[in-house]
Each structure stands twice: as C-alpha cells, then as structure tokens.
Amino acid sequence: MRALVSVSDKTGLVEFVNGLQALGWEIVATGGTQRLLEENGIKTIGISQITGFPEICDGRVKTLHPKVHGGLLARRDNENHLQALRDNGIEFIDLVCVNLYPFKQTIAKNDVTMEDAIENIDIGGPSMLRSAAKNYRDVTVVCNPADYAQVLSEIRELGNTKLETRLQLSAKAYTHTAEYDCCIAGFMREKAGLSEKLFLEFDLAQTLRYGENPHQTAKFYREEQPSAFSLAFAKQLGGKELSYNNIQDANAALNIVREFSEPFCVGLKHMNPCGAAVGKNVAEAWQRAYEADKVSIYGGIVAVNRELTEEVALAMKPIFLEIVMAPSFSKGALEVLSAKKNLRLLQVDMTASDKKVNQYVSVNGGLLVQQLDTETIRVAESMCVTEKKPTTTQLADMNFGWRVVKHVKSNAIVVVKDGQTLGVGAGQMNRVGSAEIALKEAQAAGFASDLVLASDGFLPFDDTVALAAKYGVTAIVQPGGSIRDEDAIKKANELGITMLFTGMRHFKH
C-alpha cells in the first residue's frame, strides 16, 4: 500500500506517518514534508523518484504528472484502467494526505502583497485532493489532521479504511477545496473590482430544535473568524439551548449595547427594546431599565455592558427572563443565576471596534447585503433648528434617545428622560401612531414634563410635534429632510419646543 503525503499544516503528521509505515505502508512525500519526515527517521520516496521528473519552477510543478494522477484516478475494477497503468509503469496510490498552502492566513496579514498572495495559491494540492476524492471507492483522502486517528485505527483493525469513511473523507476534501477556491476567488475579485458574485462561508454552530415556529426546521451557522458583539461566538455559561427566536432577540439586544460606553442595560422583547437606561453602575442601569417597563420585561432578554455582579443577579432573580448577557459574570452572580436552570447565561465579547460588519438578510429567492448600521452621529447644539436651544440635560437625553431609537422597528419613536426610556413606539404604519404609543406609556408611568422625544425618521407633518407637546415633551431629535420640515419647525417654535436635526436617519425594517 502506498501513501502520498504533502502538507502545509504539519500538525500530528509525524505520528500519523509513523503509524502508516509501521503497518507496512510505503510513503511518498514532497519538498518540506519529505524533509520533516526524514528528519524524524521516517524513510520516504521523493516525488521525483515516482515521476522521473524534477520539481521545477520553485516547486510550482511537482505533482502534476500522470504517474501521480494515474495512480490516484485508476479504478481497481476496470481492466482498461489497470492495463493502462501496467503499460505505463504506474503504481496505485492508496492514500493521499494533503492540506493546502495557507492562503487565508497569508491574506489576513495587514502588509500582505499581491505577490505573497499569489505564491500561496496551491495548484497541485487541490488537484490531488480532487483526484483522490473522486476515486474514494479505492483511495483514502485525508486533508484534516483531526481525521488521522480514525484513519489509522481503521487500517490497523481492517487493513484499510471503511468505504463509508472514505466517502465522508471525500466530502471533506471537496469542502476543503471549495472553501479554498472561494477564499481565492473573493480575494482576486476584490482586487479586480468585481462584485457580481458573492461567496459566503459559514460553519454549523448549532442545529436548533425548531425555527420561528415549531413546524419550521432551523440551523444556526457562524463565520469562521470571531467578532465582537456576536452571539455566534458567545460562551453559554448556563441554561437551556438557545432557540431561533432567542438568537434573533439576543442579536438585537447586542446591537443596542454596542452603542454605549457608559454603564448601560437594555431589556428586549421581540427585537425591540422595552426598557433601557444608563446609570452610574450596572446595578443602577438594570434597576432603571427594569422600572422603565416592568410588564414587558417578563420573558425577555437582558444585556449589560459591564461585569454582571451578584447584586444585579439578586435583583434579576425574581423575574422570569429568557437570557442574560454580559461581558463577564462574577462568581457570585453565576451562583445566583445558575440556580434558575432554564435561564440562559451568555458571556459575550463586547470589545469596541471600528471594524465594518456586513449584514445579510434573506428574501425569497435572494439575499440583501449591507453594512451593519454602526455609525451614530453625536447630537450637538449646532444641530438645533428652532428658536429655543437645548439645555445640557436635554442634549444628554437626546444623545441617549437617539442611540436607542435607531434599534427600534420603524416607524420608531422613543420618549426618554434622565437617561431612561419611558415609552417606546415601534413598527406602526404611521409615525404619529408610534408617538402616541410611546407618549401614553410615559404618561402611564407618571411622567408628563420635560420629556425628550427621538424619532428614527423625519416628521412629515407637524402633528407629531403637536401631540408631543400635549404629553410634556420639551425637546425633539429627528433626522430632518422632509419637504415639510418648516411645518414641524414652525409648530415647535409655537409650542416652545427645542428641535434638533441630525441629518442621518436610522430606519430599521
């Protein structure tokens, strides 16, 4: 039996090849792989001894030869194939152990040059993998060191790998080459300025119990590289398995938390915040977020942007929550919350970053791709369009409300005071309807003066301004940009309301 070995990732290779040689296998190797094996006392046959042709062009050409691919592709049950091998002095290759040049790692370097990238495009490796994978009935193909142990075990026990195993390894080899080609294609297309194709690579993170509803199947996939504020790379410290809806809601909560550097807490239901607040610490932020809407938080999701302490855990414990997320949990907090067996505790990397993140949304028969809306303009007095200018307190609340309202389903209105949401109007078909919901919530909570209203889109008529004044709103922040902006400004001036235009909208559909 003969194995051909040529790898870039040499993890576990010496032990694997030692095992094969101990079982009587002949080892053919190339370049650096051969040197490593020989240095470790493993006798090998150089690839040039097989092909009768030297490695040329700085190693670019060494395995692209009939004596390699004939030995891989010939079917053992086809007499014509066997005769062709005999006529040309070609021997079978029964196992290929190959993984590819580190192209992905190369282009991840900040100072990578085009020349470096090109030299790390493997040609012979993918060809050998594909040949061996195509002929899996007769050839074992191994591209992942994680499979070495199983392959050796089966050969020891059975004399060869199982057909079922070879099929699985074939599929893995094609996956390996497909991912490799997608990476190269993506890099080259970016350099060439082409965008008519999109290649995505995601790994299965979890098979979910069901989707949005029990009759729907669902799976959760993640990108290869970890990123901050990502549920896909969160560490679950306790509780039940996450559901499809849990993941959607938790992701929405993390996008809100991303907005704040000061101690902050948000409670969320159905992808909309039901209570959010800043505080001098997480304990105060949690208490104020909870008090913002004690009813809606039931069965909701909570996220904080500081370590969750035992004090906060004790305050949360009596309330039914689905998920609690934090960058870390104190030992005491874990002891308190772990007593609630179904409560999901998630530790999430909340490291601030300017990295641009793409957002993918599927539609029937298509995919929408956009940059995630991570840009938020700071509200400043210079944005004021009314006669009455904002106070320092109003500016602080407008900045708070502006960061929250962008994460509420449009049409979105948020009413705030002193760094706390008092009313949230989400997803109504007209903006005044959303405003009415938010304002009535604030009124029901006992707040009727010095309120700040934030709107994710412009106010197309003066009706929202008039309604806001009736409920005690004294300052409004909105994008502006309506052909009837002057109507809203005029009404605000009549009612003594401060209004600021940010020039940036934040629709969330």
Protein backbone atom coordinates (compact mmCIF):
# COMPACT_ATOMS: atom_id res chain seq x y z
CA MET A 1 0.00 0.00 0.00
CA ARG A 2 1.29 3.44 -0.88
CA ALA A 3 0.54 6.85 0.65
CA LEU A 4 1.39 10.23 -0.84
CA VAL A 5 1.99 12.93 1.77
CA SER A 6 2.29 16.66 1.05
CA VAL A 7 1.05 19.08 3.71
CA SER A 8 1.38 22.69 4.82
CA ASP A 9 -0.18 22.10 8.25
CA LYS A 10 2.15 19.50 9.77
CA THR A 11 0.20 19.06 13.00
CA GLY A 12 0.33 15.39 14.05
CA LEU A 13 1.92 14.38 10.75
CA VAL A 14 4.97 12.52 12.07
CA GLU A 15 2.85 10.35 14.37
CA PHE A 16 0.37 9.64 11.57
CA VAL A 17 3.00 8.65 9.00
CA ASN A 18 4.92 6.64 11.59
CA GLY A 19 1.71 4.70 12.16
CA LEU A 20 1.25 4.05 8.45
CA GLN A 21 4.85 2.95 7.98
CA ALA A 22 4.60 0.61 10.97
CA LEU A 23 1.66 -1.03 9.20
CA GLY A 24 3.81 -1.66 6.12
CA TRP A 25 2.80 1.35 4.02
CA GLU A 26 5.21 2.93 1.55
CA ILE A 27 5.49 6.72 1.94
CA VAL A 28 5.88 9.12 -0.98
CA ALA A 29 6.49 12.74 0.03
CA THR A 30 7.29 16.15 -1.44
CA GLY A 31 9.56 19.07 -0.53
CA GLY A 32 9.34 20.27 3.05
CA THR A 33 7.10 17.39 4.04
CA GLN A 34 9.77 14.90 2.98
CA ARG A 35 12.46 16.80 4.89
CA LEU A 36 10.41 16.77 8.09
CA LEU A 37 9.68 13.06 7.84
CA GLU A 38 13.30 12.17 7.06
CA GLU A 39 14.49 14.30 9.99
CA ASN A 40 12.23 12.22 12.21
CA GLY A 41 13.62 8.93 10.97
CA ILE A 42 10.84 8.07 8.53
CA LYS A 43 12.04 6.60 5.25
CA THR A 44 10.33 8.19 2.24
CA ILE A 45 10.36 8.14 -1.54
CA GLY A 46 10.75 11.57 -3.14
CA ILE A 47 8.06 12.57 -5.61
CA SER A 48 10.69 12.94 -8.37
CA GLN A 49 11.59 9.27 -7.98
CA ILE A 50 7.99 8.44 -8.83
CA THR A 51 7.51 10.85 -11.71
CA GLY A 52 11.03 10.66 -13.11
CA PHE A 53 10.85 14.43 -13.40
CA PRO A 54 12.37 17.05 -11.10
CA GLU A 55 10.40 19.58 -9.09
CA ILE A 56 10.61 22.75 -11.18
CA CYS A 57 9.64 26.43 -11.13
CA ASP A 58 10.48 26.80 -7.42
CA GLY A 59 8.24 23.86 -6.56
CA ARG A 60 5.25 25.16 -8.52
CA VAL A 61 5.32 21.98 -10.60
CA LYS A 62 5.97 18.65 -8.88
CA THR A 63 2.82 16.50 -8.58
CA LEU A 64 1.05 17.42 -11.83
CA HIS A 65 2.06 14.19 -13.56
CA PRO A 66 0.32 11.05 -14.93
CA LYS A 67 2.25 8.84 -12.53
CA VAL A 68 0.58 10.71 -9.68
CA HIS A 69 -2.91 11.23 -11.04
CA GLY A 70 -2.99 7.90 -12.87
CA GLY A 71 -2.19 6.18 -9.58
CA LEU A 72 -4.99 8.12 -7.91
CA LEU A 73 -7.72 8.03 -10.53
CA ALA A 74 -7.44 4.49 -11.95
CA ARG A 75 -10.39 2.32 -10.96
CA ARG A 76 -9.34 -1.00 -9.49
CA ASP A 77 -12.39 -2.74 -11.00
CA ASN A 78 -11.76 -1.50 -14.57
CA GLU A 79 -9.43 -3.73 -16.62
CA ASN A 80 -8.74 -0.97 -19.16
CA HIS A 81 -7.55 1.31 -16.35
CA LEU A 82 -5.38 -1.43 -14.89
CA GLN A 83 -3.82 -2.20 -18.26
CA ALA A 84 -3.05 1.48 -18.82
CA LEU A 85 -1.19 1.56 -15.51
CA ARG A 86 0.79 -1.57 -16.37
CA ASP A 87 1.67 -0.25 -19.82
CA ASN A 88 3.00 2.99 -18.36
CA GLY A 89 4.68 1.66 -15.25
CA ILE A 90 2.29 3.46 -12.87
CA GLU A 91 1.64 2.17 -9.36
CA PHE A 92 -1.51 2.71 -7.31
CA ILE A 93 -1.62 5.44 -4.68
CA ASP A 94 -3.99 4.21 -1.97
CA LEU A 95 -3.98 7.19 0.40
CA VAL A 96 -3.41 10.90 -0.10
CA CYS A 97 -2.61 13.11 2.89
CA VAL A 98 -2.70 16.71 1.66
CA ASN A 99 -3.64 20.10 3.01
CA LEU A 100 -3.14 23.33 1.18
CA TYR A 101 -0.88 26.37 1.18
CA PRO A 102 -2.01 28.88 3.86
CA PHE A 103 -3.71 31.33 1.51
CA LYS A 104 -6.31 32.56 4.03
CA GLN A 105 -3.69 33.16 6.71
CA THR A 106 -1.48 34.95 4.19
CA ILE A 107 -4.10 37.46 3.02
CA ALA A 108 -5.15 38.11 6.63
CA LYS A 109 -1.80 39.86 7.21
CA ASN A 110 -2.01 43.65 7.16
CA ASP A 111 1.09 44.02 4.98
CA VAL A 112 0.34 41.23 2.50
CA THR A 113 1.42 41.93 -1.07
CA MET A 114 -0.21 40.63 -4.21
CA GLU A 115 2.96 38.61 -4.90
CA ASP A 116 2.80 36.91 -1.49
CA ALA A 117 -0.85 36.08 -2.02
CA ILE A 118 -0.29 34.61 -5.47
CA GLU A 119 2.59 32.41 -4.27
CA ASN A 120 0.28 30.92 -1.65
CA ILE A 121 -2.26 29.71 -4.19
CA ASP A 122 -1.90 25.93 -4.23
CA ILE A 123 -2.28 24.15 -7.59
CA GLY A 124 -1.04 20.60 -7.14
CA GLY A 125 -2.63 20.14 -3.74
CA PRO A 126 -6.24 20.75 -4.80
CA SER A 127 -5.65 18.59 -7.89
CA MET A 128 -4.51 15.63 -5.79
CA LEU A 129 -7.34 16.08 -3.32
CA ARG A 130 -9.94 16.18 -6.07
CA SER A 131 -8.47 13.14 -7.86
CA ALA A 132 -8.36 11.10 -4.68
CA ALA A 133 -11.81 12.27 -3.60
CA LYS A 134 -13.29 11.36 -6.99
CA ASN A 135 -11.90 7.82 -6.65
CA TYR A 136 -12.95 7.42 -3.00
CA ARG A 137 -14.08 3.82 -3.60
CA ASP A 138 -10.41 2.88 -3.86
CA VAL A 139 -8.49 5.81 -2.36
CA THR A 140 -8.49 7.35 1.14
CA VAL A 141 -8.10 11.14 1.11
CA VAL A 142 -7.14 12.96 4.31
CA CYS A 143 -6.95 16.75 4.48
CA ASN A 144 -7.60 17.40 8.17
CA PRO A 145 -5.24 16.26 10.97
CA ALA A 146 -8.32 15.66 13.12
CA ASP A 147 -9.04 12.57 10.96
CA TYR A 148 -5.62 10.95 11.34
CA ALA A 149 -6.57 8.89 14.40
CA GLN A 150 -9.70 7.38 12.83
CA VAL A 151 -7.88 6.51 9.61
CA LEU A 152 -5.03 4.79 11.45
CA SER A 153 -7.44 2.93 13.71
CA GLU A 154 -9.45 1.51 10.80
CA ILE A 155 -6.32 0.50 8.88
CA ARG A 156 -4.97 -1.30 11.95
CA GLU A 157 -8.23 -3.14 12.54
CA LEU A 158 -9.42 -3.80 8.98
CA GLY A 159 -6.35 -3.44 6.76
CA ASN A 160 -7.95 -0.40 5.10
CA THR A 161 -10.46 2.33 5.79
CA LYS A 162 -14.18 1.61 5.53
CA LEU A 163 -15.98 2.64 2.34
CA GLU A 164 -18.31 4.79 4.44
CA THR A 165 -15.30 6.58 5.94
CA ARG A 166 -13.74 7.15 2.53
CA LEU A 167 -16.99 8.73 1.30
CA GLN A 168 -17.06 11.08 4.30
CA LEU A 169 -13.40 11.96 3.78
CA SER A 170 -14.10 12.60 0.09
CA ALA A 171 -16.84 15.05 1.02
CA LYS A 172 -14.48 16.78 3.46
CA ALA A 173 -11.82 17.06 0.76
CA TYR A 174 -14.23 18.69 -1.68
CA THR A 175 -15.37 21.03 1.11
CA HIS A 176 -11.73 21.91 1.79
CA THR A 177 -11.01 22.74 -1.85
CA ALA A 178 -14.32 24.59 -2.26
CA GLU A 179 -13.58 26.81 0.74
CA TYR A 180 -10.07 27.37 -0.55
CA ASP A 181 -11.25 28.37 -4.01
CA CYS A 182 -13.93 30.66 -2.57
CA CYS A 183 -11.29 32.43 -0.50
CA ILE A 184 -9.03 32.89 -3.52
CA ALA A 185 -11.92 33.98 -5.73
CA GLY A 186 -13.09 36.52 -3.15
CA PHE A 187 -9.60 37.99 -2.79
CA MET A 188 -8.95 38.16 -6.53
CA ARG A 189 -12.40 39.57 -7.28
CA GLU A 190 -11.90 42.31 -4.72
CA LYS A 191 -8.56 43.21 -6.28
CA ALA A 192 -10.16 43.19 -9.73
CA GLY A 193 -13.13 45.31 -8.61
CA LEU A 194 -15.76 42.66 -9.41
CA SER A 195 -18.94 42.30 -7.35
CA GLU A 196 -21.47 40.36 -9.42
CA LYS A 197 -20.83 37.20 -7.37
CA LEU A 198 -20.93 36.73 -3.60
CA PHE A 199 -19.24 33.80 -1.87
CA LEU A 200 -20.09 33.14 1.76
CA GLU A 201 -18.56 30.63 4.12
CA PHE A 202 -20.27 29.73 7.39
CA ASP A 203 -19.84 26.77 9.72
CA LEU A 204 -22.65 24.99 11.55
CA ALA A 205 -22.74 26.21 15.13
CA GLN A 206 -25.96 24.55 16.23
CA THR A 207 -28.93 22.57 14.94
CA LEU A 208 -31.93 24.26 16.52
CA ARG A 209 -34.94 22.48 17.96
CA TYR A 210 -37.13 24.41 15.52
CA GLY A 211 -37.34 27.73 13.76
CA GLU A 212 -39.56 30.75 14.31
CA ASN A 213 -42.42 28.31 14.89
CA PRO A 214 -42.41 24.63 15.93
CA HIS A 215 -43.28 23.37 12.43
CA GLN A 216 -40.17 25.03 10.92
CA THR A 217 -36.70 23.45 10.90
CA ALA A 218 -33.68 25.68 11.53
CA LYS A 219 -29.91 25.74 11.89
CA PHE A 220 -27.51 28.35 13.23
CA TYR A 221 -24.29 28.99 11.28
CA ARG A 222 -21.37 31.23 12.14
CA GLU A 223 -18.48 32.90 10.36
CA GLU A 224 -15.03 31.40 10.74
CA GLN A 225 -13.43 34.40 12.45
CA PRO A 226 -14.77 35.53 15.86
CA SER A 227 -16.10 39.06 16.15
CA ALA A 228 -17.24 41.29 18.99
CA PHE A 229 -20.91 41.59 19.94
CA SER A 230 -21.52 38.26 18.23
CA LEU A 231 -23.90 35.70 19.65
CA ALA A 232 -22.32 33.13 17.32
CA PHE A 233 -19.16 33.25 19.45
CA ALA A 234 -20.74 33.78 22.85
CA LYS A 235 -19.91 31.38 25.67
CA GLN A 236 -23.02 29.86 27.24
CA LEU A 237 -22.48 29.51 30.98
CA GLY A 238 -25.85 28.05 31.89
CA GLY A 239 -29.43 27.39 30.91
CA LYS A 240 -31.33 25.72 28.09
CA GLU A 241 -30.31 25.50 24.47
CA LEU A 242 -30.88 28.70 22.52
CA SER A 243 -33.87 28.83 20.19
CA TYR A 244 -34.21 30.57 16.82
CA ASN A 245 -36.17 33.44 18.37
CA ASN A 246 -33.72 33.68 21.28
CA ILE A 247 -30.89 34.19 18.82
CA GLN A 248 -32.74 36.86 16.86
CA ASP A 249 -33.69 38.76 20.01
CA ALA A 250 -30.28 38.43 21.63
CA ASN A 251 -28.61 39.74 18.48
CA ALA A 252 -30.88 42.79 18.52
CA ALA A 253 -30.00 43.42 22.17
CA LEU A 254 -26.28 43.22 21.45
CA ASN A 255 -26.60 45.79 18.66
CA ILE A 256 -28.12 48.23 21.17
CA VAL A 257 -25.45 47.55 23.79
CA ARG A 258 -22.81 48.30 21.14
CA GLU A 259 -23.94 51.95 21.18
CA PHE A 260 -22.95 52.63 24.78
CA SER A 261 -19.63 53.03 26.59
CA GLU A 262 -21.11 54.19 29.91
CA PRO A 263 -22.76 51.58 32.22
CA PHE A 264 -25.89 50.51 30.34
CA CYS A 265 -28.65 47.92 30.47
CA VAL A 266 -31.37 47.02 27.98
CA GLY A 267 -34.38 44.76 28.30
CA LEU A 268 -35.71 43.49 24.99
CA LYS A 269 -38.76 41.66 23.64
CA HIS A 270 -39.47 40.65 20.04
CA MET A 271 -36.39 42.52 18.76
CA ASN A 272 -37.47 45.85 20.27
CA PRO A 273 -36.20 47.41 23.50
CA CYS A 274 -38.85 47.54 26.20
CA GLY A 275 -36.63 49.29 28.71
CA ALA A 276 -33.18 50.82 28.51
CA ALA A 277 -31.14 53.02 30.81
CA VAL A 278 -27.70 54.25 31.73
CA GLY A 279 -26.52 54.51 35.33
CA LYS A 280 -23.53 55.21 37.49
CA ASN A 281 -23.02 51.42 37.55
CA VAL A 282 -24.69 48.31 36.15
CA ALA A 283 -26.86 47.85 39.23
CA GLU A 284 -28.43 51.28 38.75
CA ALA A 285 -28.70 50.81 34.97
CA TRP A 286 -30.51 47.47 35.48
CA GLN A 287 -32.92 48.90 38.05
CA ARG A 288 -33.81 51.85 35.83
CA ALA A 289 -34.20 49.66 32.70
CA TYR A 290 -36.47 47.30 34.65
CA GLU A 291 -38.56 50.16 36.03
CA ALA A 292 -38.97 51.56 32.51
CA ASP A 293 -41.39 48.71 31.70
CA LYS A 294 -41.89 46.08 34.40
CA VAL A 295 -44.64 44.37 32.41
CA SER A 296 -42.95 43.85 29.04
CA ILE A 297 -39.67 42.59 30.51
CA TYR A 298 -41.42 39.36 31.56
CA GLY A 299 -39.91 36.55 29.46
CA GLY A 300 -37.49 39.00 27.89
CA ILE A 301 -33.77 39.31 27.27
CA VAL A 302 -31.41 41.49 29.27
CA ALA A 303 -27.95 42.68 28.25
CA VAL A 304 -25.46 44.79 30.20
CA ASN A 305 -22.08 46.15 29.12
CA ARG A 306 -20.18 45.65 32.37
CA GLU A 307 -19.49 42.59 34.52
CA LEU A 308 -22.75 41.36 35.99
CA THR A 309 -22.37 41.39 39.77
CA GLU A 310 -24.02 39.35 42.49
CA GLU A 311 -26.02 42.46 43.48
CA VAL A 312 -27.54 42.69 39.99
CA ALA A 313 -28.09 38.93 39.84
CA LEU A 314 -30.06 39.00 43.09
CA ALA A 315 -32.22 41.82 41.69
CA MET A 316 -32.87 39.86 38.48
CA LYS A 317 -33.52 36.50 40.13
CA PRO A 318 -37.23 37.00 40.99
CA ILE A 319 -38.05 37.98 37.39
CA PHE A 320 -38.68 35.45 34.61
CA LEU A 321 -36.09 36.13 31.93
CA GLU A 322 -35.04 34.08 28.91
CA ILE A 323 -31.44 35.29 28.52
CA VAL A 324 -28.96 37.43 30.44
CA MET A 325 -25.87 38.63 28.53
CA ALA A 326 -22.76 40.36 29.84
CA PRO A 327 -19.05 40.61 29.00
CA SER A 328 -18.43 38.67 32.23
CA PHE A 329 -20.21 37.36 35.34
CA SER A 330 -18.87 37.48 38.87
CA LYS A 331 -18.64 34.17 40.74
CA GLY A 332 -21.49 35.23 43.00
CA ALA A 333 -23.67 36.23 40.06
CA LEU A 334 -23.18 32.84 38.42
CA GLU A 335 -24.10 31.05 41.63
CA VAL A 336 -27.30 33.09 41.97
CA LEU A 337 -28.47 32.89 38.37
CA SER A 338 -27.38 29.28 37.74
CA ALA A 339 -29.99 28.24 40.27
CA LYS A 340 -32.55 29.12 37.58
CA LYS A 341 -31.96 26.03 35.44
CA ASN A 342 -33.64 27.34 32.29
CA LEU A 343 -32.12 30.82 32.30
CA ARG A 344 -29.55 31.15 29.54
CA LEU A 345 -26.41 32.97 30.66
CA LEU A 346 -24.20 34.21 27.84
CA GLN A 347 -20.74 35.71 28.11
CA VAL A 348 -20.19 37.91 25.06
CA ASP A 349 -17.12 39.75 23.83
CA MET A 350 -18.15 43.42 23.95
CA THR A 351 -14.87 44.93 22.83
CA ALA A 352 -15.41 48.19 20.97
CA SER A 353 -14.22 48.15 17.36
CA ASP A 354 -14.39 50.31 14.25
CA LYS A 355 -14.41 47.23 12.01
CA LYS A 356 -17.09 47.33 9.33
CA VAL A 357 -19.54 44.43 9.61
CA ASN A 358 -21.80 43.15 6.85
CA GLN A 359 -25.42 42.28 7.49
CA TYR A 360 -27.15 39.58 5.44
CA VAL A 361 -30.92 39.34 5.11
CA SER A 362 -32.57 36.64 3.06
CA VAL A 363 -35.60 37.35 0.90
CA ASN A 364 -37.47 34.89 -1.28
CA GLY A 365 -35.03 33.91 -3.99
CA GLY A 366 -32.40 36.45 -2.98
CA LEU A 367 -30.09 37.97 -0.41
CA LEU A 368 -29.70 41.57 0.70
CA VAL A 369 -26.26 42.66 1.87
CA GLN A 370 -25.50 45.94 3.59
CA GLN A 371 -23.09 47.34 6.16
CA LEU A 372 -24.46 46.99 9.66
CA ASP A 373 -25.70 50.37 10.91
CA THR A 374 -22.97 51.02 13.49
CA GLU A 375 -22.50 54.72 12.78
CA THR A 376 -24.25 57.11 15.13
CA ILE A 377 -23.84 60.87 14.93
CA ARG A 378 -23.43 62.59 18.25
CA VAL A 379 -26.24 65.07 18.81
CA ALA A 380 -24.87 68.60 19.23
CA GLU A 381 -26.33 72.04 19.90
CA SER A 382 -25.25 73.15 16.42
CA MET A 383 -27.98 70.88 15.00
CA CYS A 384 -30.72 72.99 16.58
CA VAL A 385 -33.28 74.34 14.07
CA THR A 386 -35.64 76.08 16.49
CA GLU A 387 -35.59 79.37 18.37
CA LYS A 388 -35.31 77.58 21.71
CA LYS A 389 -31.90 76.00 22.25
CA PRO A 390 -31.29 72.76 24.13
CA THR A 391 -30.09 72.60 27.70
CA THR A 392 -27.17 70.39 28.72
CA THR A 393 -29.62 67.91 30.25
CA GLN A 394 -31.72 67.82 27.09
CA LEU A 395 -28.64 67.22 24.94
CA ALA A 396 -27.65 64.27 27.10
CA ASP A 397 -31.13 62.79 26.79
CA MET A 398 -31.27 63.42 23.05
CA ASN A 399 -28.00 61.55 22.65
CA PHE A 400 -29.36 58.70 24.76
CA GLY A 401 -32.69 58.55 22.92
CA TRP A 402 -31.00 58.85 19.51
CA ARG A 403 -28.83 55.79 20.22
CA VAL A 404 -31.83 53.75 21.35
CA VAL A 405 -34.38 54.73 18.71
CA LYS A 406 -32.18 53.52 15.84
CA HIS A 407 -32.69 49.97 17.14
CA VAL A 408 -36.49 50.16 17.33
CA LYS A 409 -38.54 48.89 14.40
CA SER A 410 -39.55 51.77 12.14
CA ASN A 411 -41.69 53.84 12.38
CA ALA A 412 -39.89 54.34 15.69
CA ILE A 413 -40.44 56.82 18.49
CA VAL A 414 -38.73 56.73 21.87
CA VAL A 415 -39.55 59.00 24.82
CA VAL A 416 -36.80 59.41 27.40
CA LYS A 417 -35.81 61.35 30.49
CA ASP A 418 -32.62 61.36 32.54
CA GLY A 419 -31.04 58.51 30.55
CA GLN A 420 -34.03 56.19 30.84
CA THR A 421 -36.64 55.11 28.30
CA LEU A 422 -40.19 55.90 29.39
CA GLY A 423 -42.07 54.90 26.26
CA VAL A 424 -41.28 53.02 23.07
CA GLY A 425 -43.46 53.12 19.96
CA ALA A 426 -42.38 50.53 17.40
CA GLY A 427 -43.34 49.41 13.94
CA GLN A 428 -46.55 51.36 13.41
CA MET A 429 -47.72 52.22 9.92
CA ASN A 430 -47.57 55.96 10.64
CA ARG A 431 -45.24 57.96 12.85
CA VAL A 432 -47.91 59.72 14.88
CA GLY A 433 -49.28 56.29 15.83
CA SER A 434 -45.88 55.24 17.19
CA ALA A 435 -45.59 58.57 19.01
CA GLU A 436 -48.99 58.10 20.64
CA ILE A 437 -47.98 54.66 21.97
CA ALA A 438 -44.69 55.93 23.39
CA LEU A 439 -46.19 59.07 24.90
CA LYS A 440 -49.07 57.22 26.56
CA GLU A 441 -46.59 54.77 28.08
CA ALA A 442 -44.63 57.68 29.57
CA GLN A 443 -47.82 59.24 30.88
CA ALA A 444 -48.96 55.95 32.44
CA ALA A 445 -45.60 55.74 34.22
CA GLY A 446 -46.27 59.15 35.76
CA PHE A 447 -44.06 61.30 33.58
CA ALA A 448 -45.62 64.36 31.95
CA SER A 449 -42.99 67.10 31.84
CA ASP A 450 -39.51 67.83 30.48
CA LEU A 451 -39.55 64.77 28.22
CA VAL A 452 -37.34 64.21 25.19
CA LEU A 453 -38.67 62.50 22.05
CA ALA A 454 -36.44 60.78 19.49
CA SER A 455 -37.63 59.73 16.02
CA ASP A 456 -35.71 57.41 13.68
CA GLY A 457 -37.08 59.20 10.58
CA PHE A 458 -38.20 62.72 9.80
CA LEU A 459 -41.58 64.05 10.95
CA PRO A 460 -43.51 64.57 7.69
CA PHE A 461 -46.20 66.73 9.32
CA ASP A 462 -46.49 68.92 12.39
CA ASP A 463 -48.98 66.54 14.03
CA THR A 464 -46.34 64.57 15.96
CA VAL A 465 -44.89 67.81 17.36
CA ALA A 466 -48.34 68.97 18.48
CA LEU A 467 -49.10 65.60 20.09
CA ALA A 468 -45.72 65.52 21.84
CA ALA A 469 -46.32 68.93 23.43
CA LYS A 470 -49.60 67.71 24.97
CA TYR A 471 -47.70 64.96 26.80
CA GLY A 472 -44.94 67.18 28.19
CA VAL A 473 -42.22 66.85 25.54
CA THR A 474 -39.87 69.84 25.54
CA ALA A 475 -37.19 68.61 23.13
CA ILE A 476 -37.24 66.54 19.93
CA VAL A 477 -34.40 64.97 17.97
CA GLN A 478 -35.03 63.71 14.45
CA PRO A 479 -33.13 63.40 11.14
CA GLY A 480 -34.94 66.15 9.27
CA GLY A 481 -35.12 66.03 5.49
CA SER A 482 -38.87 66.25 4.87
CA ILE A 483 -40.19 68.65 2.25
CA ARG A 484 -42.39 69.90 5.11
CA ASP A 485 -39.65 70.38 7.69
CA GLU A 486 -40.65 74.02 8.03
CA ASP A 487 -44.12 72.99 9.25
CA ALA A 488 -42.59 70.94 12.07
CA ILE A 489 -40.12 73.72 12.95
CA LYS A 490 -42.89 76.33 12.98
CA LYS A 491 -45.07 74.21 15.27
CA ALA A 492 -42.12 73.58 17.61
CA ASN A 493 -41.46 77.33 17.83
CA GLU A 494 -45.12 78.00 18.56
CA LEU A 495 -45.09 75.46 21.39
CA GLY A 496 -41.69 76.39 22.84
CA ILE A 497 -40.10 73.04 21.94
CA THR A 498 -36.42 72.60 21.15
CA MET A 499 -35.84 70.55 17.99
CA LEU A 500 -32.60 69.23 16.50
CA PHE A 501 -31.97 67.74 13.05
CA THR A 502 -29.14 65.20 12.92
CA GLY A 503 -29.14 64.76 9.13
CA MET A 504 -28.93 60.97 9.47
CA ARG A 505 -31.87 58.58 9.58
CA HIS A 506 -31.90 55.08 11.11
CA PHE A 507 -34.75 53.09 9.59
CA LYS A 508 -34.88 49.52 10.91
CA HIS A 509 -37.19 47.26 8.94
